PDB file of N, CA and C in Angstrom:
ATOM      1  N   MET A   1       0.816  -1.165   0.000  1.00  0.00           N
ATOM      2  CA  MET A   1       0.000   0.000   0.000  1.00  0.00           C
ATOM      3  C   MET A   1       0.876   1.251   0.000  1.00  0.00           C
ATOM      4  N   ALA A   2       1.950   1.220   0.765  1.00  0.00           N
ATOM      5  CA  ALA A   2       2.818   2.398   0.854  1.00  0.00           C
ATOM      6  C   ALA A   2       3.393   2.760  -0.510  1.00  0.00           C
ATOM      7  N   LEU A   3       3.869   1.777  -1.236  1.00  0.00           N
ATOM      8  CA  LEU A   3       4.423   2.074  -2.559  1.00  0.00           C
ATOM      9  C   LEU A   3       3.339   2.522  -3.529  1.00  0.00           C
ATOM     10  N   GLY A   4       2.158   1.920  -3.429  1.00  0.00           N
ATOM     11  CA  GLY A   4       1.046   2.339  -4.271  1.00  0.00           C
ATOM     12  C   GLY A   4       0.669   3.787  -4.012  1.00  0.00           C
ATOM     13  N   TRP A   5       0.679   4.184  -2.732  1.00  0.00           N
ATOM     14  CA  TRP A   5       0.376   5.572  -2.377  1.00  0.00           C
ATOM     15  C   TRP A   5       1.446   6.510  -2.917  1.00  0.00           C
ATOM     16  N   LEU A   6       2.714   6.131  -2.723  1.00  0.00           N
ATOM     17  CA  LEU A   6       3.800   6.970  -3.232  1.00  0.00           C
ATOM     18  C   LEU A   6       3.708   7.157  -4.746  1.00  0.00           C
ATOM     19  N   LEU A   7       3.401   6.083  -5.437  1.00  0.00           N
ATOM     20  CA  LEU A   7       3.304   6.169  -6.897  1.00  0.00           C
ATOM     21  C   LEU A   7       2.124   7.017  -7.345  1.00  0.00           C
ATOM     22  N   SER A   8       1.132   7.209  -6.476  1.00  0.00           N
ATOM     23  CA  SER A   8      -0.019   8.047  -6.831  1.00  0.00           C
ATOM     24  C   SER A   8       0.270   9.530  -6.638  1.00  0.00           C
ATOM     25  N   ARG A   9       1.362   9.861  -5.952  1.00  0.00           N
ATOM     26  CA  ARG A   9       1.712  11.258  -5.664  1.00  0.00           C
ATOM     27  C   ARG A   9       2.366  11.883  -6.883  1.00  0.00           C
ATOM     28  N   PRO A  10       1.871  13.031  -7.352  1.00  0.00           N
ATOM     29  CA  PRO A  10       2.439  13.639  -8.553  1.00  0.00           C
ATOM     30  C   PRO A  10       3.887  14.094  -8.392  1.00  0.00           C
ATOM     31  N   GLY A  11       4.315  14.430  -7.203  1.00  0.00           N
ATOM     32  CA  GLY A  11       5.684  14.908  -7.004  1.00  0.00           C
ATOM     33  C   GLY A  11       6.709  13.803  -6.808  1.00  0.00           C
ATOM     34  N   VAL A  12       6.253  12.571  -6.679  1.00  0.00           N
ATOM     35  CA  VAL A  12       7.178  11.454  -6.475  1.00  0.00           C
ATOM     36  C   VAL A  12       7.463  10.817  -7.825  1.00  0.00           C
ATOM     37  N   THR A  13       8.719  10.883  -8.231  1.00  0.00           N
ATOM     38  CA  THR A  13       9.068  10.330  -9.543  1.00  0.00           C
ATOM     39  C   THR A  13       9.767   8.982  -9.449  1.00  0.00           C
ATOM     40  N   ALA A  14      10.401   8.681  -8.321  1.00  0.00           N
ATOM     41  CA  ALA A  14      11.139   7.427  -8.217  1.00  0.00           C
ATOM     42  C   ALA A  14      11.305   7.009  -6.754  1.00  0.00           C
ATOM     43  N   PRO A  15      10.313   6.304  -6.191  1.00  0.00           N
ATOM     44  CA  PRO A  15      10.488   5.822  -4.819  1.00  0.00           C
ATOM     45  C   PRO A  15      11.671   4.857  -4.763  1.00  0.00           C
ATOM     46  N   ILE A  16      12.456   4.959  -3.743  1.00  0.00           N
ATOM     47  CA  ILE A  16      13.604   4.067  -3.576  1.00  0.00           C
ATOM     48  C   ILE A  16      13.164   2.880  -2.740  1.00  0.00           C
ATOM     49  N   ILE A  17      13.253   1.678  -3.309  1.00  0.00           N
ATOM     50  CA  ILE A  17      12.749   0.502  -2.601  1.00  0.00           C
ATOM     51  C   ILE A  17      13.860  -0.316  -1.947  1.00  0.00           C
ATOM     52  N   GLY A  18      15.024  -0.406  -2.518  1.00  0.00           N
ATOM     53  CA  GLY A  18      16.169  -1.089  -1.926  1.00  0.00           C
ATOM     54  C   GLY A  18      15.984  -2.550  -1.578  1.00  0.00           C
ATOM     55  N   PRO A  19      15.503  -3.381  -2.515  1.00  0.00           N
ATOM     56  CA  PRO A  19      15.355  -4.806  -2.197  1.00  0.00           C
ATOM     57  C   PRO A  19      16.711  -5.492  -2.052  1.00  0.00           C
ATOM     58  N   ARG A  20      16.750  -6.492  -1.166  1.00  0.00           N
ATOM     59  CA  ARG A  20      17.974  -7.292  -1.018  1.00  0.00           C
ATOM     60  C   ARG A  20      17.876  -8.596  -1.783  1.00  0.00           C
ATOM     61  N   THR A  21      16.646  -9.022  -2.068  1.00  0.00           N
ATOM     62  CA  THR A  21      16.466 -10.300  -2.753  1.00  0.00           C
ATOM     63  C   THR A  21      15.531 -10.118  -3.942  1.00  0.00           C
ATOM     64  N   ALA A  22      15.546 -11.103  -4.837  1.00  0.00           N
ATOM     65  CA  ALA A  22      14.651 -11.060  -5.996  1.00  0.00           C
ATOM     66  C   ALA A  22      13.197 -11.124  -5.544  1.00  0.00           C
ATOM     67  N   ASP A  23      12.916 -11.859  -4.482  1.00  0.00           N
ATOM     68  CA  ASP A  23      11.557 -11.945  -3.956  1.00  0.00           C
ATOM     69  C   ASP A  23      11.065 -10.582  -3.475  1.00  0.00           C
ATOM     70  N   GLN A  24      11.918  -9.845  -2.782  1.00  0.00           N
ATOM     71  CA  GLN A  24      11.539  -8.505  -2.326  1.00  0.00           C
ATOM     72  C   GLN A  24      11.261  -7.589  -3.510  1.00  0.00           C
ATOM     73  N   LEU A  25      12.053  -7.702  -4.550  1.00  0.00           N
ATOM     74  CA  LEU A  25      11.829  -6.909  -5.759  1.00  0.00           C
ATOM     75  C   LEU A  25      10.496  -7.273  -6.394  1.00  0.00           C
ATOM     76  N   ASP A  26      10.218  -8.568  -6.523  1.00  0.00           N
ATOM     77  CA  ASP A  26       8.957  -9.012  -7.116  1.00  0.00           C
ATOM     78  C   ASP A  26       7.758  -8.480  -6.335  1.00  0.00           C
ATOM     79  N   ARG A  27       7.829  -8.528  -5.005  1.00  0.00           N
ATOM     80  CA  ARG A  27       6.725  -8.031  -4.183  1.00  0.00           C
ATOM     81  C   ARG A  27       6.566  -6.517  -4.329  1.00  0.00           C
ATOM     82  N   SER A  28       7.667  -5.812  -4.433  1.00  0.00           N
ATOM     83  CA  SER A  28       7.595  -4.359  -4.598  1.00  0.00           C
ATOM     84  C   SER A  28       7.013  -3.984  -5.955  1.00  0.00           C
ATOM     85  N   LEU A  29       7.321  -4.747  -6.971  1.00  0.00           N
ATOM     86  CA  LEU A  29       6.790  -4.461  -8.304  1.00  0.00           C
ATOM     87  C   LEU A  29       5.273  -4.609  -8.359  1.00  0.00           C
ATOM     88  N   GLY A  30       4.710  -5.351  -7.421  1.00  0.00           N
ATOM     89  CA  GLY A  30       3.254  -5.473  -7.340  1.00  0.00           C
ATOM     90  C   GLY A  30       2.577  -4.137  -7.102  1.00  0.00           C
ATOM     91  N   ALA A  31       3.295  -3.177  -6.545  1.00  0.00           N
ATOM     92  CA  ALA A  31       2.735  -1.846  -6.294  1.00  0.00           C
ATOM     93  C   ALA A  31       2.357  -1.145  -7.591  1.00  0.00           C
ATOM     94  N   LEU A  32       2.947  -1.563  -8.690  1.00  0.00           N
ATOM     95  CA  LEU A  32       2.634  -0.934  -9.977  1.00  0.00           C
ATOM     96  C   LEU A  32       1.199  -1.203 -10.408  1.00  0.00           C
ATOM     97  N   THR A  33       0.584  -2.230  -9.853  1.00  0.00           N
ATOM     98  CA  THR A  33      -0.791  -2.583 -10.228  1.00  0.00           C
ATOM     99  C   THR A  33      -1.800  -2.208  -9.145  1.00  0.00           C
ATOM    100  N   VAL A  34      -1.356  -1.600  -8.056  1.00  0.00           N
ATOM    101  CA  VAL A  34      -2.255  -1.217  -6.968  1.00  0.00           C
ATOM    102  C   VAL A  34      -3.058   0.012  -7.378  1.00  0.00           C
ATOM    103  N   ASP A  35      -4.364  -0.066  -7.180  1.00  0.00           N
ATOM    104  CA  ASP A  35      -5.245   1.064  -7.463  1.00  0.00           C
ATOM    105  C   ASP A  35      -5.996   1.384  -6.175  1.00  0.00           C
ATOM    106  N   LEU A  36      -5.500   2.369  -5.428  1.00  0.00           N
ATOM    107  CA  LEU A  36      -6.095   2.714  -4.144  1.00  0.00           C
ATOM    108  C   LEU A  36      -7.336   3.578  -4.352  1.00  0.00           C
ATOM    109  N   ALA A  37      -8.356   3.321  -3.545  1.00  0.00           N
ATOM    110  CA  ALA A  37      -9.600   4.088  -3.607  1.00  0.00           C
ATOM    111  C   ALA A  37      -9.339   5.535  -3.201  1.00  0.00           C
ATOM    112  N   GLU A  38     -10.140   6.439  -3.713  1.00  0.00           N
ATOM    113  CA  GLU A  38      -9.994   7.863  -3.400  1.00  0.00           C
ATOM    114  C   GLU A  38     -10.102   8.114  -1.897  1.00  0.00           C
ATOM    115  N   ALA A  39     -10.987   7.388  -1.214  1.00  0.00           N
ATOM    116  CA  ALA A  39     -11.136   7.558   0.235  1.00  0.00           C
ATOM    117  C   ALA A  39      -9.859   7.160   0.961  1.00  0.00           C
ATOM    118  N   THR A  40      -9.202   6.110   0.489  1.00  0.00           N
ATOM    119  CA  THR A  40      -7.949   5.671   1.093  1.00  0.00           C
ATOM    120  C   THR A  40      -6.857   6.707   0.867  1.00  0.00           C
ATOM    121  N   LEU A  41      -6.761   7.218  -0.345  1.00  0.00           N
ATOM    122  CA  LEU A  41      -5.764   8.248  -0.648  1.00  0.00           C
ATOM    123  C   LEU A  41      -6.003   9.503   0.180  1.00  0.00           C
ATOM    124  N   ALA A  42      -7.263   9.880   0.345  1.00  0.00           N
ATOM    125  CA  ALA A  42      -7.588  11.071   1.137  1.00  0.00           C
ATOM    126  C   ALA A  42      -7.193  10.876   2.596  1.00  0.00           C
ATOM    127  N   ARG A  43      -7.449   9.700   3.135  1.00  0.00           N
ATOM    128  CA  ARG A  43      -7.090   9.421   4.531  1.00  0.00           C
ATOM    129  C   ARG A  43      -5.576   9.426   4.706  1.00  0.00           C
ATOM    130  N   LEU A  44      -4.849   8.849   3.777  1.00  0.00           N
ATOM    131  CA  LEU A  44      -3.395   8.859   3.850  1.00  0.00           C
ATOM    132  C   LEU A  44      -2.858  10.282   3.776  1.00  0.00           C
ATOM    133  N   ASP A  45      -3.487  11.129   2.962  1.00  0.00           N
ATOM    134  CA  ASP A  45      -3.078  12.532   2.892  1.00  0.00           C
ATOM    135  C   ASP A  45      -3.357  13.271   4.195  1.00  0.00           C
ATOM    136  N   GLU A  46      -4.415  12.874   4.907  1.00  0.00           N
ATOM    137  CA  GLU A  46      -4.680  13.464   6.221  1.00  0.00           C
ATOM    138  C   GLU A  46      -3.582  13.076   7.207  1.00  0.00           C
ATOM    139  N   LEU A  47      -3.187  11.807   7.163  1.00  0.00           N
ATOM    140  CA  LEU A  47      -2.166  11.313   8.084  1.00  0.00           C
ATOM    141  C   LEU A  47      -0.777  11.846   7.750  1.00  0.00           C
ATOM    142  N   PHE A  48      -0.497  11.975   6.460  1.00  0.00           N
ATOM    143  CA  PHE A  48       0.815  12.417   5.988  1.00  0.00           C
ATOM    144  C   PHE A  48       0.634  13.549   4.980  1.00  0.00           C
ATOM    145  N   PRO A  49       0.353  14.772   5.461  1.00  0.00           N
ATOM    146  CA  PRO A  49       0.116  15.880   4.536  1.00  0.00           C
ATOM    147  C   PRO A  49       1.337  16.114   3.645  1.00  0.00           C
ATOM    148  N   PRO A  50       1.090  16.381   2.377  1.00  0.00           N
ATOM    149  CA  PRO A  50       2.207  16.622   1.463  1.00  0.00           C
ATOM    150  C   PRO A  50       3.020  17.841   1.873  1.00  0.00           C
ATOM    151  N   VAL A  51       4.322  17.714   1.839  1.00  0.00           N
ATOM    152  CA  VAL A  51       5.204  18.838   2.106  1.00  0.00           C
ATOM    153  C   VAL A  51       4.976  19.867   0.996  1.00  0.00           C
ATOM    154  N   GLY A  52       4.910  21.118   1.374  1.00  0.00           N
ATOM    155  CA  GLY A  52       4.661  22.168   0.397  1.00  0.00           C
ATOM    156  C   GLY A  52       3.202  22.553   0.321  1.00  0.00           C
ATOM    157  N   ASP A  53       2.332  21.693   0.857  1.00  0.00           N
ATOM    158  CA  ASP A  53       0.903  22.011   0.918  1.00  0.00           C
ATOM    159  C   ASP A  53       0.514  22.301   2.361  1.00  0.00           C
ATOM    160  N   GLY A  54       1.439  22.849   3.119  1.00  0.00           N
ATOM    161  CA  GLY A  54       1.164  23.153   4.510  1.00  0.00           C
ATOM    162  C   GLY A  54       1.455  22.003   5.454  1.00  0.00           C
ATOM    163  N   GLY A  55       1.949  20.896   4.906  1.00  0.00           N
ATOM    164  CA  GLY A  55       2.244  19.742   5.740  1.00  0.00           C
ATOM    165  C   GLY A  55       3.593  19.869   6.426  1.00  0.00           C
ATOM    166  N   PRO A  56       3.812  19.055   7.447  1.00  0.00           N
ATOM    167  CA  PRO A  56       5.080  19.093   8.167  1.00  0.00           C
ATOM    168  C   PRO A  56       6.202  18.485   7.330  1.00  0.00           C
ATOM    169  N   GLY A  57       7.408  18.743   7.733  1.00  0.00           N
ATOM    170  CA  GLY A  57       8.555  18.127   7.070  1.00  0.00           C
ATOM    171  C   GLY A  57       8.588  16.634   7.342  1.00  0.00           C
ATOM    172  N   PRO A  58       9.254  15.870   6.507  1.00  0.00           N
ATOM    173  CA  PRO A  58       9.311  14.419   6.683  1.00  0.00           C
ATOM    174  C   PRO A  58       9.776  13.988   8.070  1.00  0.00           C
ATOM    175  N   GLU A  59      10.628  14.784   8.728  1.00  0.00           N
ATOM    176  CA  GLU A  59      11.090  14.369  10.050  1.00  0.00           C
ATOM    177  C   GLU A  59       9.941  14.320  11.047  1.00  0.00           C
ATOM    178  N   ALA A  60       8.858  15.025  10.796  1.00  0.00           N
ATOM    179  CA  ALA A  60       7.695  14.998  11.693  1.00  0.00           C
ATOM    180  C   ALA A  60       6.936  13.688  11.569  1.00  0.00           C
ATOM    181  N   TRP A  61       7.172  12.935  10.484  1.00  0.00           N
ATOM    182  CA  TRP A  61       6.449  11.681  10.273  1.00  0.00           C
ATOM    183  C   TRP A  61       7.144  10.498  10.940  1.00  0.00           C
ATOM    184  N   ALA A  62       8.339  10.689  11.439  1.00  0.00           N
ATOM    185  CA  ALA A  62       9.076   9.580  12.078  1.00  0.00           C
ATOM    186  C   ALA A  62       8.608   9.474  13.519  1.00  0.00           C
ATOM    187  N   TRP A  63       7.786   8.494  13.774  1.00  0.00           N
ATOM    188  CA  TRP A  63       7.239   8.337  15.105  1.00  0.00           C
ATOM    189  C   TRP A  63       8.328   7.884  15.993  1.00  0.00           C
TER     190      TRP A  63
END
Protein backbone atom coordinates (compact mmCIF):
# COMPACT_ATOMS: atom_id res chain seq x y z
CA MET A 1 0.00 0.00 0.00
CA ALA A 2 2.82 2.40 0.85
CA LEU A 3 4.42 2.07 -2.56
CA GLY A 4 1.05 2.34 -4.27
CA TRP A 5 0.38 5.57 -2.38
CA LEU A 6 3.80 6.97 -3.23
CA LEU A 7 3.30 6.17 -6.90
CA SER A 8 -0.02 8.05 -6.83
CA ARG A 9 1.71 11.26 -5.66
CA PRO A 10 2.44 13.64 -8.55
CA GLY A 11 5.68 14.91 -7.00
CA VAL A 12 7.18 11.45 -6.48
CA THR A 13 9.07 10.33 -9.54
CA ALA A 14 11.14 7.43 -8.22
CA PRO A 15 10.49 5.82 -4.82
CA ILE A 16 13.60 4.07 -3.58
CA ILE A 17 12.75 0.50 -2.60
CA GLY A 18 16.17 -1.09 -1.93
CA PRO A 19 15.36 -4.81 -2.20
CA ARG A 20 17.97 -7.29 -1.02
CA THR A 21 16.47 -10.30 -2.75
CA ALA A 22 14.65 -11.06 -6.00
CA ASP A 23 11.56 -11.95 -3.96
CA GLN A 24 11.54 -8.50 -2.33
CA LEU A 25 11.83 -6.91 -5.76
CA ASP A 26 8.96 -9.01 -7.12
CA ARG A 27 6.72 -8.03 -4.18
CA SER A 28 7.60 -4.36 -4.60
CA LEU A 29 6.79 -4.46 -8.30
CA GLY A 30 3.25 -5.47 -7.34
CA ALA A 31 2.73 -1.85 -6.29
CA LEU A 32 2.63 -0.93 -9.98
CA THR A 33 -0.79 -2.58 -10.23
CA VAL A 34 -2.25 -1.22 -6.97
CA ASP A 35 -5.24 1.06 -7.46
CA LEU A 36 -6.09 2.71 -4.14
CA ALA A 37 -9.60 4.09 -3.61
CA GLU A 38 -9.99 7.86 -3.40
CA ALA A 39 -11.14 7.56 0.23
CA THR A 40 -7.95 5.67 1.09
CA LEU A 41 -5.76 8.25 -0.65
CA ALA A 42 -7.59 11.07 1.14
CA ARG A 43 -7.09 9.42 4.53
CA LEU A 44 -3.39 8.86 3.85
CA ASP A 45 -3.08 12.53 2.89
CA GLU A 46 -4.68 13.46 6.22
CA LEU A 47 -2.17 11.31 8.08
CA PHE A 48 0.81 12.42 5.99
CA PRO A 49 0.12 15.88 4.54
CA PRO A 50 2.21 16.62 1.46
CA VAL A 51 5.20 18.84 2.11
CA GLY A 52 4.66 22.17 0.40
CA ASP A 53 0.90 22.01 0.92
CA GLY A 54 1.16 23.15 4.51
CA GLY A 55 2.24 19.74 5.74
CA PRO A 56 5.08 19.09 8.17
CA GLY A 57 8.55 18.13 7.07
CA PRO A 58 9.31 14.42 6.68
CA GLU A 59 11.09 14.37 10.05
CA ALA A 60 7.70 15.00 11.69
CA TRP A 61 6.45 11.68 10.27
CA ALA A 62 9.08 9.58 12.08
CA TRP A 63 7.24 8.34 15.10
